[in-house]
Amino acid sequence: MKVKIYARLKEDLDCIDANDMMELKEGATLGDACKKAKIPFALRHLHIISVNGNIEAMSYPLKEGDKIAFIGIATGG
């Protein structure tokens, strides 16, 4: 199954192909996509992660063609 990935630093994610797609096994969850993108569990709360524009639980079952957005929260100083 393939899902579309939107990420600020796509070039740092070697799991995304030239069409901004990530390959996952059937039955994969949003948490599986985070693991594949190497977003550490402890840092997931510091990102906005949505599926098709909606914030979903890490247990959310993905389906072919879903659109996932990984957006890091900027910090000031």
C-alpha atoms as a PDB file:
ATOM      1  CA  MET A   1       0.000   0.000   0.000  1.00  0.00           C
ATOM      2  CA  LYS A   2       1.234   3.532  -0.690  1.00  0.00           C
ATOM      3  CA  VAL A   3       0.361   6.718   1.166  1.00  0.00           C
ATOM      4  CA  LYS A   4       1.187  10.313   0.206  1.00  0.00           C
ATOM      5  CA  ILE A   5       3.541  12.124   2.594  1.00  0.00           C
ATOM      6  CA  TYR A   6       3.698  15.846   3.213  1.00  0.00           C
ATOM      7  CA  ALA A   7       6.649  16.830   5.394  1.00  0.00           C
ATOM      8  CA  ARG A   8       8.662  20.007   5.885  1.00  0.00           C
ATOM      9  CA  LEU A   9      11.956  18.174   5.478  1.00  0.00           C
ATOM     10  CA  LYS A  10      11.026  15.482   2.950  1.00  0.00           C
ATOM     11  CA  GLU A  11      14.571  15.327   1.676  1.00  0.00           C
ATOM     12  CA  ASP A  12      15.631  13.945   5.085  1.00  0.00           C
ATOM     13  CA  LEU A  13      13.195  11.031   4.853  1.00  0.00           C
ATOM     14  CA  ASP A  14      14.755   8.257   2.779  1.00  0.00           C
ATOM     15  CA  CYS A  15      11.524   6.231   3.043  1.00  0.00           C
ATOM     16  CA  ILE A  16       9.725   8.621   0.650  1.00  0.00           C
ATOM     17  CA  ASP A  17      10.017   8.082  -3.107  1.00  0.00           C
ATOM     18  CA  ALA A  18      10.294  10.712  -5.852  1.00  0.00           C
ATOM     19  CA  ASN A  19       6.484  11.042  -5.915  1.00  0.00           C
ATOM     20  CA  ASP A  20       6.338  11.767  -2.163  1.00  0.00           C
ATOM     21  CA  MET A  21       4.893   8.305  -1.508  1.00  0.00           C
ATOM     22  CA  MET A  22       5.725   5.927   1.338  1.00  0.00           C
ATOM     23  CA  GLU A  23       5.329   2.174   0.890  1.00  0.00           C
ATOM     24  CA  LEU A  24       3.689   0.381   3.836  1.00  0.00           C
ATOM     25  CA  LYS A  25       2.370  -3.126   4.426  1.00  0.00           C
ATOM     26  CA  GLU A  26      -1.381  -3.702   4.242  1.00  0.00           C
ATOM     27  CA  GLY A  27      -2.942  -3.074   7.657  1.00  0.00           C
ATOM     28  CA  ALA A  28      -0.318  -0.478   8.639  1.00  0.00           C
ATOM     29  CA  THR A  29      -1.249   2.182  11.165  1.00  0.00           C
ATOM     30  CA  LEU A  30      -0.302   5.828  11.509  1.00  0.00           C
ATOM     31  CA  GLY A  31       2.140   4.712  14.208  1.00  0.00           C
ATOM     32  CA  ASP A  32       3.803   2.371  11.686  1.00  0.00           C
ATOM     33  CA  ALA A  33       4.250   5.310   9.296  1.00  0.00           C
ATOM     34  CA  CYS A  34       5.836   7.355  12.106  1.00  0.00           C
ATOM     35  CA  LYS A  35       8.234   4.506  12.855  1.00  0.00           C
ATOM     36  CA  LYS A  36       9.187   4.213   9.196  1.00  0.00           C
ATOM     37  CA  ALA A  37       9.745   7.995   9.047  1.00  0.00           C
ATOM     38  CA  LYS A  38      11.963   7.563  12.145  1.00  0.00           C
ATOM     39  CA  ILE A  39      10.003   9.996  14.295  1.00  0.00           C
ATOM     40  CA  PRO A  40      10.963   8.937  17.836  1.00  0.00           C
ATOM     41  CA  PHE A  41       8.016   8.018  20.048  1.00  0.00           C
ATOM     42  CA  ALA A  42       9.070  10.608  22.645  1.00  0.00           C
ATOM     43  CA  LEU A  43       8.980  13.396  20.027  1.00  0.00           C
ATOM     44  CA  ARG A  44       5.676  12.544  18.340  1.00  0.00           C
ATOM     45  CA  HIS A  45       3.818  14.958  20.627  1.00  0.00           C
ATOM     46  CA  LEU A  46       6.048  17.756  19.244  1.00  0.00           C
ATOM     47  CA  HIS A  47       4.700  17.236  15.730  1.00  0.00           C
ATOM     48  CA  ILE A  48       1.323  17.751  14.177  1.00  0.00           C
ATOM     49  CA  ILE A  49       0.552  14.492  12.403  1.00  0.00           C
ATOM     50  CA  SER A  50      -2.628  14.299  10.380  1.00  0.00           C
ATOM     51  CA  VAL A  51      -4.281  11.871   7.980  1.00  0.00           C
ATOM     52  CA  ASN A  52      -6.390  13.442   5.231  1.00  0.00           C
ATOM     53  CA  GLY A  53      -6.449  16.698   7.209  1.00  0.00           C
ATOM     54  CA  ASN A  54      -7.622  15.147  10.484  1.00  0.00           C
ATOM     55  CA  ILE A  55      -5.614  14.511  13.648  1.00  0.00           C
ATOM     56  CA  GLU A  56      -5.787  10.765  14.274  1.00  0.00           C
ATOM     57  CA  ALA A  57      -4.548   8.320  16.925  1.00  0.00           C
ATOM     58  CA  MET A  58      -1.352   6.378  16.272  1.00  0.00           C
ATOM     59  CA  SER A  59      -3.561   3.259  16.035  1.00  0.00           C
ATOM     60  CA  TYR A  60      -5.474   4.730  13.060  1.00  0.00           C
ATOM     61  CA  PRO A  61      -5.521   2.134  10.233  1.00  0.00           C
ATOM     62  CA  LEU A  62      -4.197   3.589   6.987  1.00  0.00           C
ATOM     63  CA  LYS A  63      -5.567   2.787   3.568  1.00  0.00           C
ATOM     64  CA  GLU A  64      -4.178   3.125   0.052  1.00  0.00           C
ATOM     65  CA  GLY A  65      -3.882   6.771  -1.007  1.00  0.00           C
ATOM     66  CA  ASP A  66      -4.227   8.341   2.456  1.00  0.00           C
ATOM     67  CA  LYS A  67      -2.431  11.677   2.795  1.00  0.00           C
ATOM     68  CA  ILE A  68      -0.224  12.023   5.883  1.00  0.00           C
ATOM     69  CA  ALA A  69       1.239  15.345   6.998  1.00  0.00           C
ATOM     70  CA  PHE A  70       4.200  15.502   9.404  1.00  0.00           C
ATOM     71  CA  ILE A  71       4.588  19.108  10.543  1.00  0.00           C
ATOM     72  CA  GLY A  72       7.124  19.924  13.258  1.00  0.00           C
ATOM     73  CA  ILE A  73       6.152  22.574  15.757  1.00  0.00           C
ATOM     74  CA  ALA A  74       8.577  25.476  15.548  1.00  0.00           C
ATOM     75  CA  THR A  75      10.180  26.749  18.729  1.00  0.00           C
ATOM     76  CA  GLY A  76      11.271  30.271  19.425  1.00  0.00           C
ATOM     77  CA  GLY A  77      14.187  31.565  21.415  1.00  0.00           C
END
